[in-house]
């Protein structure tokens, strides 16, 4: 029986990471039309702290759409965190742009 190579192991890790990312994005998509109760707010707070710039961006979009100005401090913190080593943390600037747009919508 052939043994797993390091490239096979790396592919498995990438596949699992992609599955986790897709699950987080699907959970956020489910929030779009949901009432913004305490559970939804908590999920958005957690999403703003996520390592994935895509998850942070999606959370910011939802926050802006629902006018959740109670989360503006958390969005500012996420923006600051993503600005440190931004090329690595938010290479497409999608999260920072989504946060800036959401904060503008909250004005």
PDB file of N, CA and C in Angstrom:
ATOM      1  N   UNK A   1       0.853  -1.180   0.000  1.00  0.00           N
ATOM      2  CA  UNK A   1       0.000   0.000   0.000  1.00  0.00           C
ATOM      3  C   UNK A   1       0.893   1.235   0.000  1.00  0.00           C
ATOM      4  N   UNK A   2       0.670   2.183  -0.921  1.00  0.00           N
ATOM      5  CA  UNK A   2       1.514   3.362  -0.984  1.00  0.00           C
ATOM      6  C   UNK A   2       1.291   4.261   0.231  1.00  0.00           C
ATOM      7  N   UNK A   3       2.380   4.880   0.661  1.00  0.00           N
ATOM      8  CA  UNK A   3       2.268   5.787   1.806  1.00  0.00           C
ATOM      9  C   UNK A   3       1.921   7.182   1.304  1.00  0.00           C
ATOM     10  N   UNK A   4       1.330   7.944   2.181  1.00  0.00           N
ATOM     11  CA  UNK A   4       0.956   9.312   1.835  1.00  0.00           C
ATOM     12  C   UNK A   4       2.214  10.165   1.746  1.00  0.00           C
ATOM     13  N   UNK A   5       2.300  10.938   0.708  1.00  0.00           N
ATOM     14  CA  UNK A   5       3.438  11.840   0.558  1.00  0.00           C
ATOM     15  C   UNK A   5       3.102  13.164   1.221  1.00  0.00           C
ATOM     16  N   UNK A   6       4.130  13.996   1.382  1.00  0.00           N
ATOM     17  CA  UNK A   6       3.874  15.295   1.992  1.00  0.00           C
ATOM     18  C   UNK A   6       2.972  16.143   1.108  1.00  0.00           C
ATOM     19  N   UNK A   7       3.056  15.964  -0.216  1.00  0.00           N
ATOM     20  CA  UNK A   7       2.163  16.729  -1.090  1.00  0.00           C
ATOM     21  C   UNK A   7       0.719  16.263  -0.927  1.00  0.00           C
ATOM     22  N   UNK A   8       0.509  14.957  -0.702  1.00  0.00           N
ATOM     23  CA  UNK A   8      -0.842  14.459  -0.436  1.00  0.00           C
ATOM     24  C   UNK A   8      -1.378  15.053   0.865  1.00  0.00           C
ATOM     25  N   UNK A   9      -0.526  15.101   1.869  1.00  0.00           N
ATOM     26  CA  UNK A   9      -0.915  15.667   3.162  1.00  0.00           C
ATOM     27  C   UNK A   9      -1.241  17.143   3.011  1.00  0.00           C
ATOM     28  N   UNK A  10      -0.421  17.872   2.244  1.00  0.00           N
ATOM     29  CA  UNK A  10      -0.673  19.295   2.017  1.00  0.00           C
ATOM     30  C   UNK A  10      -1.994  19.507   1.283  1.00  0.00           C
ATOM     31  N   UNK A  11      -2.277  18.657   0.293  1.00  0.00           N
ATOM     32  CA  UNK A  11      -3.540  18.762  -0.436  1.00  0.00           C
ATOM     33  C   UNK A  11      -4.726  18.510   0.477  1.00  0.00           C
ATOM     34  N   UNK A  12      -4.584  17.550   1.377  1.00  0.00           N
ATOM     35  CA  UNK A  12      -5.648  17.267   2.336  1.00  0.00           C
ATOM     36  C   UNK A  12      -5.891  18.473   3.245  1.00  0.00           C
ATOM     37  N   UNK A  13      -4.810  19.105   3.689  1.00  0.00           N
ATOM     38  CA  UNK A  13      -4.940  20.276   4.553  1.00  0.00           C
ATOM     39  C   UNK A  13      -5.599  21.429   3.815  1.00  0.00           C
ATOM     40  N   UNK A  14      -5.212  21.649   2.559  1.00  0.00           N
ATOM     41  CA  UNK A  14      -5.814  22.710   1.754  1.00  0.00           C
ATOM     42  C   UNK A  14      -7.288  22.418   1.535  1.00  0.00           C
ATOM     43  N   UNK A  15      -7.608  21.175   1.241  1.00  0.00           N
ATOM     44  CA  UNK A  15      -8.997  20.783   1.017  1.00  0.00           C
ATOM     45  C   UNK A  15      -9.838  21.022   2.270  1.00  0.00           C
ATOM     46  N   UNK A  16      -9.307  20.665   3.431  1.00  0.00           N
ATOM     47  CA  UNK A  16     -10.020  20.884   4.687  1.00  0.00           C
ATOM     48  C   UNK A  16     -10.164  22.376   4.967  1.00  0.00           C
ATOM     49  N   UNK A  17      -9.116  23.153   4.685  1.00  0.00           N
ATOM     50  CA  UNK A  17      -9.181  24.605   4.887  1.00  0.00           C
ATOM     51  C   UNK A  17     -10.242  25.221   3.993  1.00  0.00           C
ATOM     52  N   UNK A  18     -10.308  24.773   2.740  1.00  0.00           N
ATOM     53  CA  UNK A  18     -11.320  25.274   1.823  1.00  0.00           C
ATOM     54  C   UNK A  18     -12.729  24.915   2.297  1.00  0.00           C
ATOM     55  N   UNK A  19     -12.882  23.725   2.819  1.00  0.00           N
ATOM     56  CA  UNK A  19     -14.189  23.297   3.320  1.00  0.00           C
ATOM     57  C   UNK A  19     -14.617  24.154   4.510  1.00  0.00           C
ATOM     58  N   UNK A  20     -13.674  24.454   5.397  1.00  0.00           N
ATOM     59  CA  UNK A  20     -13.970  25.295   6.558  1.00  0.00           C
ATOM     60  C   UNK A  20     -14.343  26.703   6.094  1.00  0.00           C
ATOM     61  N   UNK A  21     -13.582  27.237   5.151  1.00  0.00           N
ATOM     62  CA  UNK A  21     -13.875  28.570   4.616  1.00  0.00           C
ATOM     63  C   UNK A  21     -15.259  28.604   3.973  1.00  0.00           C
ATOM     64  N   UNK A  22     -15.571  27.615   3.160  1.00  0.00           N
ATOM     65  CA  UNK A  22     -16.873  27.568   2.498  1.00  0.00           C
ATOM     66  C   UNK A  22     -18.006  27.472   3.518  1.00  0.00           C
ATOM     67  N   UNK A  23     -17.794  26.741   4.591  1.00  0.00           N
ATOM     68  CA  UNK A  23     -18.811  26.616   5.656  1.00  0.00           C
ATOM     69  C   UNK A  23     -19.027  27.970   6.322  1.00  0.00           C
ATOM     70  N   UNK A  24     -17.959  28.682   6.631  1.00  0.00           N
ATOM     71  CA  UNK A  24     -18.084  29.998   7.263  1.00  0.00           C
ATOM     72  C   UNK A  24     -18.828  30.963   6.339  1.00  0.00           C
ATOM     73  N   UNK A  25     -18.489  30.949   5.061  1.00  0.00           N
ATOM     74  CA  UNK A  25     -19.161  31.835   4.105  1.00  0.00           C
ATOM     75  C   UNK A  25     -20.634  31.467   3.950  1.00  0.00           C
ATOM     76  N   UNK A  26     -20.939  30.173   3.968  1.00  0.00           N
ATOM     77  CA  UNK A  26     -22.337  29.728   3.875  1.00  0.00           C
ATOM     78  C   UNK A  26     -23.117  30.157   5.116  1.00  0.00           C
ATOM     79  N   UNK A  27     -22.496  30.060   6.285  1.00  0.00           N
ATOM     80  CA  UNK A  27     -23.154  30.501   7.518  1.00  0.00           C
ATOM     81  C   UNK A  27     -23.468  31.998   7.458  1.00  0.00           C
ATOM     82  N   UNK A  28     -22.530  32.776   6.917  1.00  0.00           N
ATOM     83  CA  UNK A  28     -22.767  34.213   6.787  1.00  0.00           C
ATOM     84  C   UNK A  28     -23.870  34.488   5.764  1.00  0.00           C
ATOM     85  N   UNK A  29     -23.878  33.741   4.679  1.00  0.00           N
ATOM     86  CA  UNK A  29     -24.931  33.916   3.663  1.00  0.00           C
ATOM     87  C   UNK A  29     -26.304  33.682   4.289  1.00  0.00           C
ATOM     88  N   UNK A  30     -26.387  32.702   5.172  1.00  0.00           N
ATOM     89  CA  UNK A  30     -27.657  32.402   5.844  1.00  0.00           C
ATOM     90  C   UNK A  30     -28.108  33.563   6.730  1.00  0.00           C
ATOM     91  N   UNK A  31     -27.181  34.396   7.169  1.00  0.00           N
ATOM     92  CA  UNK A  31     -27.532  35.544   8.012  1.00  0.00           C
ATOM     93  C   UNK A  31     -28.144  36.696   7.223  1.00  0.00           C
ATOM     94  N   UNK A  32     -27.898  36.732   5.925  1.00  0.00           N
ATOM     95  CA  UNK A  32     -28.315  37.883   5.116  1.00  0.00           C
ATOM     96  C   UNK A  32     -29.768  38.270   5.321  1.00  0.00           C
ATOM     97  N   UNK A  33     -30.652  37.305   5.332  1.00  0.00           N
ATOM     98  CA  UNK A  33     -32.080  37.587   5.430  1.00  0.00           C
ATOM     99  C   UNK A  33     -32.651  37.240   6.802  1.00  0.00           C
ATOM    100  N   UNK A  34     -31.762  37.004   7.750  1.00  0.00           N
ATOM    101  CA  UNK A  34     -32.202  36.651   9.100  1.00  0.00           C
ATOM    102  C   UNK A  34     -32.357  37.900   9.950  1.00  0.00           C
ATOM    103  N   UNK A  35     -33.180  37.788  10.987  1.00  0.00           N
ATOM    104  CA  UNK A  35     -33.249  38.908  11.925  1.00  0.00           C
ATOM    105  C   UNK A  35     -31.900  39.048  12.634  1.00  0.00           C
ATOM    106  N   UNK A  36     -31.507  40.269  12.897  1.00  0.00           N
ATOM    107  CA  UNK A  36     -30.218  40.516  13.526  1.00  0.00           C
ATOM    108  C   UNK A  36     -30.366  40.481  15.045  1.00  0.00           C
ATOM    109  N   UNK A  37     -30.541  39.261  15.560  1.00  0.00           N
ATOM    110  CA  UNK A  37     -30.668  39.054  16.993  1.00  0.00           C
ATOM    111  C   UNK A  37     -29.283  38.874  17.615  1.00  0.00           C
ATOM    112  N   UNK A  38     -29.238  38.585  18.889  1.00  0.00           N
ATOM    113  CA  UNK A  38     -27.960  38.461  19.610  1.00  0.00           C
ATOM    114  C   UNK A  38     -27.070  37.376  19.009  1.00  0.00           C
ATOM    115  N   UNK A  39     -27.659  36.287  18.565  1.00  0.00           N
ATOM    116  CA  UNK A  39     -26.873  35.207  17.959  1.00  0.00           C
ATOM    117  C   UNK A  39     -26.241  35.666  16.654  1.00  0.00           C
ATOM    118  N   UNK A  40     -27.005  36.353  15.830  1.00  0.00           N
ATOM    119  CA  UNK A  40     -26.479  36.860  14.558  1.00  0.00           C
ATOM    120  C   UNK A  40     -25.367  37.878  14.795  1.00  0.00           C
ATOM    121  N   UNK A  41     -25.568  38.764  15.751  1.00  0.00           N
ATOM    122  CA  UNK A  41     -24.556  39.769  16.071  1.00  0.00           C
ATOM    123  C   UNK A  41     -23.273  39.078  16.528  1.00  0.00           C
ATOM    124  N   UNK A  42     -23.414  38.075  17.357  1.00  0.00           N
ATOM    125  CA  UNK A  42     -22.235  37.327  17.839  1.00  0.00           C
ATOM    126  C   UNK A  42     -21.508  36.656  16.672  1.00  0.00           C
ATOM    127  N   UNK A  43     -22.255  36.066  15.754  1.00  0.00           N
ATOM    128  CA  UNK A  43     -21.630  35.428  14.585  1.00  0.00           C
ATOM    129  C   UNK A  43     -20.860  36.461  13.749  1.00  0.00           C
ATOM    130  N   UNK A  44     -21.425  37.647  13.599  1.00  0.00           N
ATOM    131  CA  UNK A  44     -20.752  38.696  12.835  1.00  0.00           C
ATOM    132  C   UNK A  44     -19.498  39.181  13.560  1.00  0.00           C
ATOM    133  N   UNK A  45     -19.576  39.303  14.867  1.00  0.00           N
ATOM    134  CA  UNK A  45     -18.388  39.686  15.647  1.00  0.00           C
ATOM    135  C   UNK A  45     -17.272  38.663  15.453  1.00  0.00           C
ATOM    136  N   UNK A  46     -17.628  37.394  15.518  1.00  0.00           N
ATOM    137  CA  UNK A  46     -16.634  36.332  15.340  1.00  0.00           C
ATOM    138  C   UNK A  46     -16.073  36.363  13.917  1.00  0.00           C
ATOM    139  N   UNK A  47     -16.925  36.619  12.950  1.00  0.00           N
ATOM    140  CA  UNK A  47     -16.477  36.675  11.559  1.00  0.00           C
ATOM    141  C   UNK A  47     -15.500  37.828  11.344  1.00  0.00           C
ATOM    142  N   UNK A  48     -15.718  38.948  12.018  1.00  0.00           N
ATOM    143  CA  UNK A  48     -14.793  40.074  11.890  1.00  0.00           C
ATOM    144  C   UNK A  48     -13.418  39.750  12.456  1.00  0.00           C
ATOM    145  N   UNK A  49     -13.353  38.792  13.361  1.00  0.00           N
ATOM    146  CA  UNK A  49     -12.073  38.372  13.964  1.00  0.00           C
ATOM    147  C   UNK A  49     -11.420  37.215  13.207  1.00  0.00           C
ATOM    148  N   UNK A  50     -12.069  36.727  12.184  1.00  0.00           N
ATOM    149  CA  UNK A  50     -11.581  35.557  11.456  1.00  0.00           C
ATOM    150  C   UNK A  50     -10.263  35.857  10.737  1.00  0.00           C
ATOM    151  N   UNK A  51      -9.472  34.812  10.521  1.00  0.00           N
ATOM    152  CA  UNK A  51      -8.209  34.951   9.793  1.00  0.00           C
ATOM    153  C   UNK A  51      -8.420  35.211   8.311  1.00  0.00           C
ATOM    154  N   UNK A  52      -9.539  34.756   7.786  1.00  0.00           N
ATOM    155  CA  UNK A  52      -9.801  34.878   6.358  1.00  0.00           C
ATOM    156  C   UNK A  52     -10.331  36.270   6.013  1.00  0.00           C
ATOM    157  N   UNK A  53      -9.645  36.931   5.098  1.00  0.00           N
ATOM    158  CA  UNK A  53     -10.118  38.240   4.652  1.00  0.00           C
ATOM    159  C   UNK A  53     -11.479  38.124   3.957  1.00  0.00           C
ATOM    160  N   UNK A  54     -11.765  36.999   3.354  1.00  0.00           N
ATOM    161  CA  UNK A  54     -13.052  36.809   2.675  1.00  0.00           C
ATOM    162  C   UNK A  54     -14.205  36.748   3.671  1.00  0.00           C
ATOM    163  N   UNK A  55     -13.969  36.109   4.799  1.00  0.00           N
ATOM    164  CA  UNK A  55     -14.987  36.023   5.847  1.00  0.00           C
ATOM    165  C   UNK A  55     -15.217  37.411   6.448  1.00  0.00           C
ATOM    166  N   UNK A  56     -14.136  38.124   6.716  1.00  0.00           N
ATOM    167  CA  UNK A  56     -14.247  39.479   7.263  1.00  0.00           C
ATOM    168  C   UNK A  56     -15.003  40.385   6.289  1.00  0.00           C
ATOM    169  N   UNK A  57     -14.670  40.286   5.010  1.00  0.00           N
ATOM    170  CA  UNK A  57     -15.335  41.113   3.994  1.00  0.00           C
ATOM    171  C   UNK A  57     -16.834  40.834   3.963  1.00  0.00           C
ATOM    172  N   UNK A  58     -17.203  39.585   3.987  1.00  0.00           N
ATOM    173  CA  UNK A  58     -18.629  39.228   3.925  1.00  0.00           C
ATOM    174  C   UNK A  58     -19.367  39.738   5.154  1.00  0.00           C
ATOM    175  N   UNK A  59     -18.734  39.600   6.324  1.00  0.00           N
ATOM    176  CA  UNK A  59     -19.349  40.103   7.553  1.00  0.00           C
ATOM    177  C   UNK A  59     -19.553  41.614   7.471  1.00  0.00           C
ATOM    178  N   UNK A  60     -18.559  42.330   6.981  1.00  0.00           N
ATOM    179  CA  UNK A  60     -18.675  43.788   6.859  1.00  0.00           C
ATOM    180  C   UNK A  60     -19.808  44.170   5.918  1.00  0.00           C
ATOM    181  N   UNK A  61     -19.948  43.441   4.827  1.00  0.00           N
ATOM    182  CA  UNK A  61     -21.048  43.726   3.884  1.00  0.00           C
ATOM    183  C   UNK A  61     -22.408  43.563   4.559  1.00  0.00           C
ATOM    184  N   UNK A  62     -22.555  42.514   5.328  1.00  0.00           N
ATOM    185  CA  UNK A  62     -23.821  42.266   6.023  1.00  0.00           C
ATOM    186  C   UNK A  62     -24.072  43.359   7.067  1.00  0.00           C
ATOM    187  N   UNK A  63     -23.032  43.737   7.775  1.00  0.00           N
ATOM    188  CA  UNK A  63     -23.151  44.784   8.794  1.00  0.00           C
ATOM    189  C   UNK A  63     -23.598  46.093   8.157  1.00  0.00           C
ATOM    190  N   UNK A  64     -23.005  46.435   7.024  1.00  0.00           N
ATOM    191  CA  UNK A  64     -23.401  47.653   6.336  1.00  0.00           C
ATOM    192  C   UNK A  64     -24.826  47.601   5.831  1.00  0.00           C
ATOM    193  N   UNK A  65     -25.195  46.494   5.239  1.00  0.00           N
ATOM    194  CA  UNK A  65     -26.552  46.328   4.706  1.00  0.00           C
ATOM    195  C   UNK A  65     -27.613  46.452   5.797  1.00  0.00           C
ATOM    196  N   UNK A  66     -27.312  45.875   6.953  1.00  0.00           N
ATOM    197  CA  UNK A  66     -28.281  45.882   8.056  1.00  0.00           C
ATOM    198  C   UNK A  66     -28.113  47.087   8.985  1.00  0.00           C
ATOM    199  N   UNK A  67     -27.197  47.987   8.624  1.00  0.00           N
ATOM    200  CA  UNK A  67     -26.993  49.204   9.420  1.00  0.00           C
ATOM    201  C   UNK A  67     -26.732  48.900  10.899  1.00  0.00           C
ATOM    202  N   UNK A  68     -25.798  47.985  11.147  1.00  0.00           N
ATOM    203  CA  UNK A  68     -25.483  47.571  12.516  1.00  0.00           C
ATOM    204  C   UNK A  68     -24.348  48.431  13.072  1.00  0.00           C
ATOM    205  N   UNK A  69     -24.666  49.684  13.375  1.00  0.00           N
ATOM    206  CA  UNK A  69     -23.623  50.585  13.834  1.00  0.00           C
ATOM    207  C   UNK A  69     -23.037  50.179  15.178  1.00  0.00           C
ATOM    208  N   UNK A  70     -23.680  49.281  15.892  1.00  0.00           N
ATOM    209  CA  UNK A  70     -23.116  48.783  17.149  1.00  0.00           C
ATOM    210  C   UNK A  70     -21.828  47.993  16.908  1.00  0.00           C
ATOM    211  N   UNK A  71     -21.571  47.609  15.653  1.00  0.00           N
ATOM    212  CA  UNK A  71     -20.364  46.835  15.340  1.00  0.00           C
ATOM    213  C   UNK A  71     -19.272  47.685  14.673  1.00  0.00           C
ATOM    214  N   UNK A  72     -19.423  48.994  14.688  1.00  0.00           N
ATOM    215  CA  UNK A  72     -18.431  49.845  14.023  1.00  0.00           C
ATOM    216  C   UNK A  72     -17.062  49.752  14.691  1.00  0.00           C
ATOM    217  N   UNK A  73     -17.021  49.652  16.011  1.00  0.00           N
ATOM    218  CA  UNK A  73     -15.734  49.518  16.708  1.00  0.00           C
ATOM    219  C   UNK A  73     -15.041  48.222  16.315  1.00  0.00           C
ATOM    220  N   UNK A  74     -15.802  47.136  16.226  1.00  0.00           N
ATOM    221  CA  UNK A  74     -15.231  45.848  15.833  1.00  0.00           C
ATOM    222  C   UNK A  74     -14.721  45.898  14.390  1.00  0.00           C
ATOM    223  N   UNK A  75     -15.438  46.613  13.528  1.00  0.00           N
ATOM    224  CA  UNK A  75     -14.978  46.738  12.138  1.00  0.00           C
ATOM    225  C   UNK A  75     -13.686  47.550  12.068  1.00  0.00           C
ATOM    226  N   UNK A  76     -13.600  48.613  12.859  1.00  0.00           N
ATOM    227  CA  UNK A  76     -12.372  49.414  12.886  1.00  0.00           C
ATOM    228  C   UNK A  76     -11.197  48.578  13.376  1.00  0.00           C
ATOM    229  N   UNK A  77     -11.433  47.762  14.388  1.00  0.00           N
ATOM    230  CA  UNK A  77     -10.377  46.876  14.897  1.00  0.00           C
ATOM    231  C   UNK A  77      -9.943  45.868  13.840  1.00  0.00           C
ATOM    232  N   UNK A  78     -10.910  45.320  13.116  1.00  0.00           N
ATOM    233  CA  UNK A  78     -10.589  44.364  12.047  1.00  0.00           C
ATOM    234  C   UNK A  78      -9.778  45.051  10.959  1.00  0.00           C
ATOM    235  N   UNK A  79     -10.150  46.267  10.600  1.00  0.00           N
ATOM    236  CA  UNK A  79      -9.416  47.024   9.584  1.00  0.00           C
ATOM    237  C   UNK A  79      -7.969  47.227  10.031  1.00  0.00           C
ATOM    238  N   UNK A  80      -7.782  47.647  11.273  1.00  0.00           N
ATOM    239  CA  UNK A  80      -6.433  47.868  11.805  1.00  0.00           C
ATOM    240  C   UNK A  80      -5.617  46.575  11.779  1.00  0.00           C
ATOM    241  N   UNK A  81      -6.240  45.474  12.193  1.00  0.00           N
ATOM    242  CA  UNK A  81      -5.541  44.177  12.222  1.00  0.00           C
ATOM    243  C   UNK A  81      -5.131  43.748  10.817  1.00  0.00           C
ATOM    244  N   UNK A  82      -6.006  43.947   9.853  1.00  0.00           N
ATOM    245  CA  UNK A  82      -5.720  43.545   8.479  1.00  0.00           C
ATOM    246  C   UNK A  82      -4.713  44.473   7.795  1.00  0.00           C
ATOM    247  N   UNK A  83      -4.530  45.648   8.337  1.00  0.00           N
ATOM    248  CA  UNK A  83      -3.571  46.595   7.760  1.00  0.00           C
ATOM    249  C   UNK A  83      -2.138  46.254   8.133  1.00  0.00           C
ATOM    250  N   UNK A  84      -1.966  45.518   9.212  1.00  0.00           N
ATOM    251  CA  UNK A  84      -0.631  45.078   9.615  1.00  0.00           C
ATOM    252  C   UNK A  84      -0.262  43.891   8.733  1.00  0.00           C
ATOM    253  N   UNK A  85       0.803  44.039   7.968  1.00  0.00           N
ATOM    254  CA  UNK A  85       1.208  43.013   7.010  1.00  0.00           C
ATOM    255  C   UNK A  85       0.057  42.721   6.043  1.00  0.00           C
ATOM    256  N   UNK A  86      -0.524  43.800   5.531  1.00  0.00           N
ATOM    257  CA  UNK A  86      -1.720  43.724   4.701  1.00  0.00           C
ATOM    258  C   UNK A  86      -1.593  42.878   3.451  1.00  0.00           C
ATOM    259  N   UNK A  87      -0.397  42.825   2.873  1.00  0.00           N
ATOM    260  CA  UNK A  87      -0.209  42.022   1.661  1.00  0.00           C
ATOM    261  C   UNK A  87      -0.470  40.557   1.957  1.00  0.00           C
ATOM    262  N   UNK A  88      -0.133  40.138   3.162  1.00  0.00           N
ATOM    263  CA  UNK A  88      -0.341  38.741   3.544  1.00  0.00           C
ATOM    264  C   UNK A  88      -1.754  38.515   4.085  1.00  0.00           C
ATOM    265  N   UNK A  89      -2.246  39.427   4.914  1.00  0.00           N
ATOM    266  CA  UNK A  89      -3.528  39.224   5.583  1.00  0.00           C
ATOM    267  C   UNK A  89      -4.733  39.537   4.705  1.00  0.00           C
ATOM    268  N   UNK A  90      -4.590  40.514   3.821  1.00  0.00           N
ATOM    269  CA  UNK A  90      -5.715  40.917   2.956  1.00  0.00           C
ATOM    270  C   UNK A  90      -5.144  41.280   1.590  1.00  0.00           C
ATOM    271  N   UNK A  91      -4.628  40.277   0.871  1.00  0.00           N
ATOM    272  CA  UNK A  91      -3.891  40.557  -0.369  1.00  0.00           C
ATOM    273  C   UNK A  91      -4.704  41.265  -1.444  1.00  0.00           C
ATOM    274  N   UNK A  92      -5.989  41.063  -1.477  1.00  0.00           N
ATOM    275  CA  UNK A  92      -6.827  41.716  -2.491  1.00  0.00           C
ATOM    276  C   UNK A  92      -7.492  42.982  -1.945  1.00  0.00           C
ATOM    277  N   UNK A  93      -7.237  43.282  -0.688  1.00  0.00           N
ATOM    278  CA  UNK A  93      -7.851  44.426   0.013  1.00  0.00           C
ATOM    279  C   UNK A  93      -9.371  44.305   0.089  1.00  0.00           C
ATOM    280  N   UNK A  94      -9.905  43.137  -0.168  1.00  0.00           N
ATOM    281  CA  UNK A  94     -11.365  42.980  -0.175  1.00  0.00           C
ATOM    282  C   UNK A  94     -11.971  43.252   1.195  1.00  0.00           C
ATOM    283  N   UNK A  95     -11.306  42.826   2.246  1.00  0.00           N
ATOM    284  CA  UNK A  95     -11.860  43.050   3.586  1.00  0.00           C
ATOM    285  C   UNK A  95     -11.778  44.523   3.966  1.00  0.00           C
ATOM    286  N   UNK A  96     -10.636  45.138   3.711  1.00  0.00           N
ATOM    287  CA  UNK A  96     -10.491  46.557   4.065  1.00  0.00           C
ATOM    288  C   UNK A  96     -11.467  47.422   3.274  1.00  0.00           C
ATOM    289  N   UNK A  97     -11.650  47.120   2.005  1.00  0.00           N
ATOM    290  CA  UNK A  97     -12.605  47.881   1.183  1.00  0.00           C
ATOM    291  C   UNK A  97     -14.025  47.670   1.695  1.00  0.00           C
ATOM    292  N   UNK A  98     -14.394  46.430   2.001  1.00  0.00           N
ATOM    293  CA  UNK A  98     -15.749  46.143   2.496  1.00  0.00           C
ATOM    294  C   UNK A  98     -15.993  46.836   3.834  1.00  0.00           C
ATOM    295  N   UNK A  99     -14.981  46.859   4.687  1.00  0.00           N
ATOM    296  CA  UNK A  99     -15.124  47.542   5.976  1.00  0.00           C
ATOM    297  C   UNK A  99     -15.303  49.039   5.759  1.00  0.00           C
ATOM    298  N   UNK A 100     -14.469  49.626   4.907  1.00  0.00           N
ATOM    299  CA  UNK A 100     -14.563  51.071   4.639  1.00  0.00           C
ATOM    300  C   UNK A 100     -15.946  51.419   4.076  1.00  0.00           C
ATOM    301  N   UNK A 101     -16.440  50.605   3.156  1.00  0.00           N
ATOM    302  CA  UNK A 101     -17.762  50.863   2.574  1.00  0.00           C
ATOM    303  C   UNK A 101     -18.876  50.712   3.618  1.00  0.00           C
ATOM    304  N   UNK A 102     -18.754  49.704   4.477  1.00  0.00           N
ATOM    305  CA  UNK A 102     -19.759  49.496   5.510  1.00  0.00           C
ATOM    306  C   UNK A 102     -19.749  50.660   6.500  1.00  0.00           C
ATOM    307  N   UNK A 103     -18.561  51.105   6.890  1.00  0.00           N
ATOM    308  CA  UNK A 103     -18.480  52.248   7.805  1.00  0.00           C
ATOM    309  C   UNK A 103     -19.067  53.506   7.164  1.00  0.00           C
ATOM    310  N   UNK A 104     -18.844  53.673   5.881  1.00  0.00           N
ATOM    311  CA  UNK A 104     -19.434  54.823   5.166  1.00  0.00           C
ATOM    312  C   UNK A 104     -20.963  54.723   5.169  1.00  0.00           C
ATOM    313  N   UNK A 105     -21.484  53.511   4.975  1.00  0.00           N
ATOM    314  CA  UNK A 105     -22.943  53.308   4.991  1.00  0.00           C
ATOM    315  C   UNK A 105     -23.537  53.605   6.354  1.00  0.00           C
ATOM    316  N   UNK A 106     -22.736  53.433   7.408  1.00  0.00           N
ATOM    317  CA  UNK A 106     -23.241  53.660   8.765  1.00  0.00           C
ATOM    318  C   UNK A 106     -23.243  55.129   9.165  1.00  0.00           C
ATOM    319  N   UNK A 107     -22.606  55.976   8.365  1.00  0.00           N
ATOM    320  CA  UNK A 107     -22.550  57.416   8.701  1.00  0.00           C
ATOM    321  C   UNK A 107     -23.905  58.053   8.614  1.00  0.00           C
TER     322      UNK A 107
END
